[in-house]
Structure formats: C-alpha cells, structure tokens
C-alpha atoms as a PDB file:
ATOM      1  CA  MET A   1      23.850 249.535  65.929  1.00  0.00           C
ATOM      2  CA  ALA A   2      20.236 248.022  66.492  1.00  0.00           C
ATOM      3  CA  LEU A   3      19.807 246.813  69.802  1.00  0.00           C
ATOM      4  CA  THR A   4      17.991 243.354  70.044  1.00  0.00           C
ATOM      5  CA  HIS A   5      16.950 241.070  72.770  1.00  0.00           C
ATOM      6  CA  ASP A   6      18.894 239.779  75.196  1.00  0.00           C
ATOM      7  CA  ALA A   7      18.397 235.975  75.627  1.00  0.00           C
ATOM      8  CA  GLY A   8      20.050 235.917  78.706  1.00  0.00           C
ATOM      9  CA  ASN A   9      23.149 234.238  79.985  1.00  0.00           C
ATOM     10  CA  ARG A  10      23.096 230.711  79.378  1.00  0.00           C
ATOM     11  CA  TYR A  11      25.487 229.606  82.315  1.00  0.00           C
ATOM     12  CA  ALA A  12      23.549 231.222  84.431  1.00  0.00           C
ATOM     13  CA  GLN A  13      20.221 230.126  83.741  1.00  0.00           C
ATOM     14  CA  GLN A  14      21.645 226.779  83.657  1.00  0.00           C
ATOM     15  CA  LEU A  15      23.029 226.782  87.224  1.00  0.00           C
ATOM     16  CA  HIS A  16      19.482 228.598  88.331  1.00  0.00           C
ATOM     17  CA  GLU A  17      18.055 225.188  87.171  1.00  0.00           C
ATOM     18  CA  HIS A  18      19.318 223.291  89.721  1.00  0.00           C
ATOM     19  CA  ILE A  19      18.148 225.426  92.884  1.00  0.00           C
ATOM     20  CA  ARG A  20      15.929 223.435  94.748  1.00  0.00           C
ATOM     21  CA  LYS A  21      12.270 224.849  94.830  1.00  0.00           C
ATOM     22  CA  SER A  22      11.294 224.325  98.357  1.00  0.00           C
ATOM     23  CA  GLU A  23      12.392 226.620 101.383  1.00  0.00           C
ATOM     24  CA  PRO A  24      15.292 226.616 103.158  1.00  0.00           C
ATOM     25  CA  HIS A  25      17.116 224.915 100.335  1.00  0.00           C
ATOM     26  CA  ARG A  26      16.022 227.402  97.916  1.00  0.00           C
ATOM     27  CA  LEU A  27      18.086 230.120  99.703  1.00  0.00           C
ATOM     28  CA  LEU A  28      20.844 227.900 100.100  1.00  0.00           C
ATOM     29  CA  ASP A  29      21.126 226.993  96.657  1.00  0.00           C
ATOM     30  CA  SER A  30      20.543 230.650  95.350  1.00  0.00           C
ATOM     31  CA  LEU A  31      23.519 231.883  97.465  1.00  0.00           C
ATOM     32  CA  ILE A  32      25.826 229.449  96.288  1.00  0.00           C
ATOM     33  CA  VAL A  33      24.617 230.045  92.642  1.00  0.00           C
ATOM     34  CA  GLY A  34      25.551 233.887  93.101  1.00  0.00           C
ATOM     35  CA  ALA A  35      29.024 232.600  94.761  1.00  0.00           C
ATOM     36  CA  PHE A  36      29.721 230.802  91.440  1.00  0.00           C
ATOM     37  CA  ILE A  37      28.518 233.603  89.204  1.00  0.00           C
ATOM     38  CA  GLU A  38      30.720 235.931  91.138  1.00  0.00           C
ATOM     39  CA  ALA A  39      33.665 233.783  91.044  1.00  0.00           C
ATOM     40  CA  ARG A  40      33.823 233.409  87.686  1.00  0.00           C
ATOM     41  CA  SER A  41      33.825 236.912  87.116  1.00  0.00           C
ATOM     42  CA  CYS A  42      36.653 237.204  89.426  1.00  0.00           C
ATOM     43  CA  GLU A  43      38.393 234.972  87.174  1.00  0.00           C
ATOM     44  CA  ARG A  44      37.184 237.458  84.144  1.00  0.00           C
ATOM     45  CA  PHE A  45      38.483 240.406  85.356  1.00  0.00           C
ATOM     46  CA  SER A  46      41.821 238.609  86.609  1.00  0.00           C
ATOM     47  CA  LEU A  47      42.517 237.877  82.923  1.00  0.00           C
ATOM     48  CA  LEU A  48      41.514 241.019  82.010  1.00  0.00           C
ATOM     49  CA  ALA A  49      43.614 242.705  84.252  1.00  0.00           C
ATOM     50  CA  GLU A  50      46.675 240.590  83.200  1.00  0.00           C
ATOM     51  CA  HIS A  51      46.235 241.385  79.631  1.00  0.00           C
ATOM     52  CA  ALA A  52      45.053 245.410  79.746  1.00  0.00           C
ATOM     53  CA  LYS A  53      46.928 247.003  77.324  1.00  0.00           C
ATOM     54  CA  THR A  54      47.509 250.133  79.827  1.00  0.00           C
ATOM     55  CA  GLU A  55      47.978 250.790  83.397  1.00  0.00           C
ATOM     56  CA  ASP A  56      44.798 252.716  83.835  1.00  0.00           C
ATOM     57  CA  MET A  57      42.960 249.633  82.516  1.00  0.00           C
ATOM     58  CA  ARG A  58      44.690 247.227  84.673  1.00  0.00           C
ATOM     59  CA  VAL A  59      44.023 249.396  87.446  1.00  0.00           C
ATOM     60  CA  LEU A  60      40.383 249.431  86.722  1.00  0.00           C
ATOM     61  CA  TYR A  61      39.782 245.442  85.936  1.00  0.00           C
ATOM     62  CA  LYS A  62      42.144 244.796  89.371  1.00  0.00           C
ATOM     63  CA  SER A  63      39.241 247.246  91.493  1.00  0.00           C
ATOM     64  CA  LEU A  64      36.565 245.216  89.403  1.00  0.00           C
ATOM     65  CA  LEU A  65      38.284 241.773  90.398  1.00  0.00           C
ATOM     66  CA  ALA A  66      38.581 242.983  94.099  1.00  0.00           C
ATOM     67  CA  SER A  67      34.643 244.087  93.949  1.00  0.00           C
ATOM     68  CA  GLU A  68      33.433 240.676  92.884  1.00  0.00           C
ATOM     69  CA  ALA A  69      35.698 238.630  95.170  1.00  0.00           C
ATOM     70  CA  GLY A  70      33.602 240.669  98.103  1.00  0.00           C
ATOM     71  CA  HIS A  71      30.546 239.905  96.212  1.00  0.00           C
ATOM     72  CA  TYR A  72      31.959 236.209  96.222  1.00  0.00           C
ATOM     73  CA  ARG A  73      32.735 236.196 100.475  1.00  0.00           C
ATOM     74  CA  ALA A  74      29.086 237.570 100.794  1.00  0.00           C
ATOM     75  CA  TYR A  75      27.396 235.164  99.355  1.00  0.00           C
ATOM     76  CA  THR A  76      29.184 232.272 101.116  1.00  0.00           C
ATOM     77  CA  ASP A  77      29.596 234.464 104.581  1.00  0.00           C
ATOM     78  CA  ILE A  78      25.597 234.526 104.352  1.00  0.00           C
ATOM     79  CA  ALA A  79      25.281 231.013 103.137  1.00  0.00           C
ATOM     80  CA  ARG A  80      27.205 229.752 106.561  1.00  0.00           C
ATOM     81  CA  GLU A  81      25.477 232.434 108.718  1.00  0.00           C
ATOM     82  CA  TYR A  82      22.314 230.808 108.004  1.00  0.00           C
ATOM     83  CA  PHE A  83      23.136 227.348 107.279  1.00  0.00           C
ATOM     84  CA  PRO A  84      25.640 224.335 109.001  1.00  0.00           C
ATOM     85  CA  VAL A  85      28.979 224.982 107.584  1.00  0.00           C
ATOM     86  CA  GLN A  86      29.242 221.124 106.481  1.00  0.00           C
ATOM     87  CA  ASP A  87      25.641 221.549 104.373  1.00  0.00           C
ATOM     88  CA  VAL A  88      27.247 224.925 102.527  1.00  0.00           C
ATOM     89  CA  LYS A  89      30.730 222.795 101.985  1.00  0.00           C
ATOM     90  CA  ASN A  90      28.494 219.883 100.676  1.00  0.00           C
ATOM     91  CA  ARG A  91      26.416 221.976  98.422  1.00  0.00           C
ATOM     92  CA  LEU A  92      29.523 223.890  96.719  1.00  0.00           C
ATOM     93  CA  LYS A  93      30.647 220.553  96.141  1.00  0.00           C
ATOM     94  CA  GLU A  94      28.158 219.550  94.311  1.00  0.00           C
ATOM     95  CA  PHE A  95      27.234 222.370  92.732  1.00  0.00           C
ATOM     96  CA  GLY A  96      30.925 222.716  91.595  1.00  0.00           C
ATOM     97  CA  GLN A  97      30.217 219.020  89.696  1.00  0.00           C
ATOM     98  CA  ILE A  98      27.305 220.991  88.059  1.00  0.00           C
ATOM     99  CA  GLU A  99      29.165 223.859  86.747  1.00  0.00           C
ATOM    100  CA  ALA A 100      31.853 221.870  85.296  1.00  0.00           C
ATOM    101  CA  ASP A 101      29.014 219.587  83.338  1.00  0.00           C
ATOM    102  CA  ILE A 102      27.326 222.960  82.520  1.00  0.00           C
ATOM    103  CA  ILE A 103      30.751 224.556  81.491  1.00  0.00           C
ATOM    104  CA  ARG A 104      32.142 221.563  79.522  1.00  0.00           C
ATOM    105  CA  SER A 105      28.774 221.729  77.385  1.00  0.00           C
ATOM    106  CA  MET A 106      29.311 225.400  76.446  1.00  0.00           C
ATOM    107  CA  THR A 107      30.942 227.063  73.745  1.00  0.00           C
ATOM    108  CA  ASN A 108      33.174 230.128  74.351  1.00  0.00           C
ATOM    109  CA  GLN A 109      30.629 233.266  74.637  1.00  0.00           C
ATOM    110  CA  PRO A 110      32.119 236.798  75.586  1.00  0.00           C
ATOM    111  CA  THR A 111      29.889 237.415  78.928  1.00  0.00           C
ATOM    112  CA  MET A 112      30.779 238.238  82.196  1.00  0.00           C
ATOM    113  CA  HIS A 113      28.147 237.303  84.718  1.00  0.00           C
ATOM    114  CA  GLY A 114      28.447 234.138  83.942  1.00  0.00           C
END
C-alpha cells in the first residue's frame, strides 16, 4: 500500500475556520472546537462499541469512548474556568449551529476526530 498525502479532516478544518482571531475569544473558541471534535469521537466510538463483533472489541471501544468523553469534559471545564459560564453556553450554542451547517454540507467520510 502506498501512503498518500493526508489532506486533513474537513470537518475539523471547517470548525477551525470559525475560531475568532483575537484573544481572549480565540482561546474560548479553540476550547469549544476541541470539545465538539471530542464529542463526535464519542459518538463514533459508541457506534463502534454497539456493533463490535467481539466482546474484546466492545470493551476497547467503550474504554476509548470514556477517554474521549473525558477530553470533552476537560475542554468545557477549562472554558468555564476562564470565561463566564453564560459566554461559554452562548458560544456552544453558536458552534452547534455552525457544526450542523458543516455536517449538512458534507458527504459521509470515514473519520475519527471530526
């Protein structure tokens, strides 16, 4: 098998395009984008665990799901530590709409972090 150039993850790239450029907004948006990427990974590992052919694979995917959920919580906890909770909630809601638009525009692609 020949390795080819990795063009990156379109989902993650498009989320990153919506990160504001100036601080402190850039930090908040970066944390929220990280949280969204981890949340989608949780979703995928949950599906993989549900449809795993062996118990060993199910256990593996569930452990990876727990790890990704911890990453999601870390991003959101850090955001709440450095920014007013209402600002975090508002930006999560805004990125929820941005993400929905991105997902609607995409075709199915096999990815993990995005």
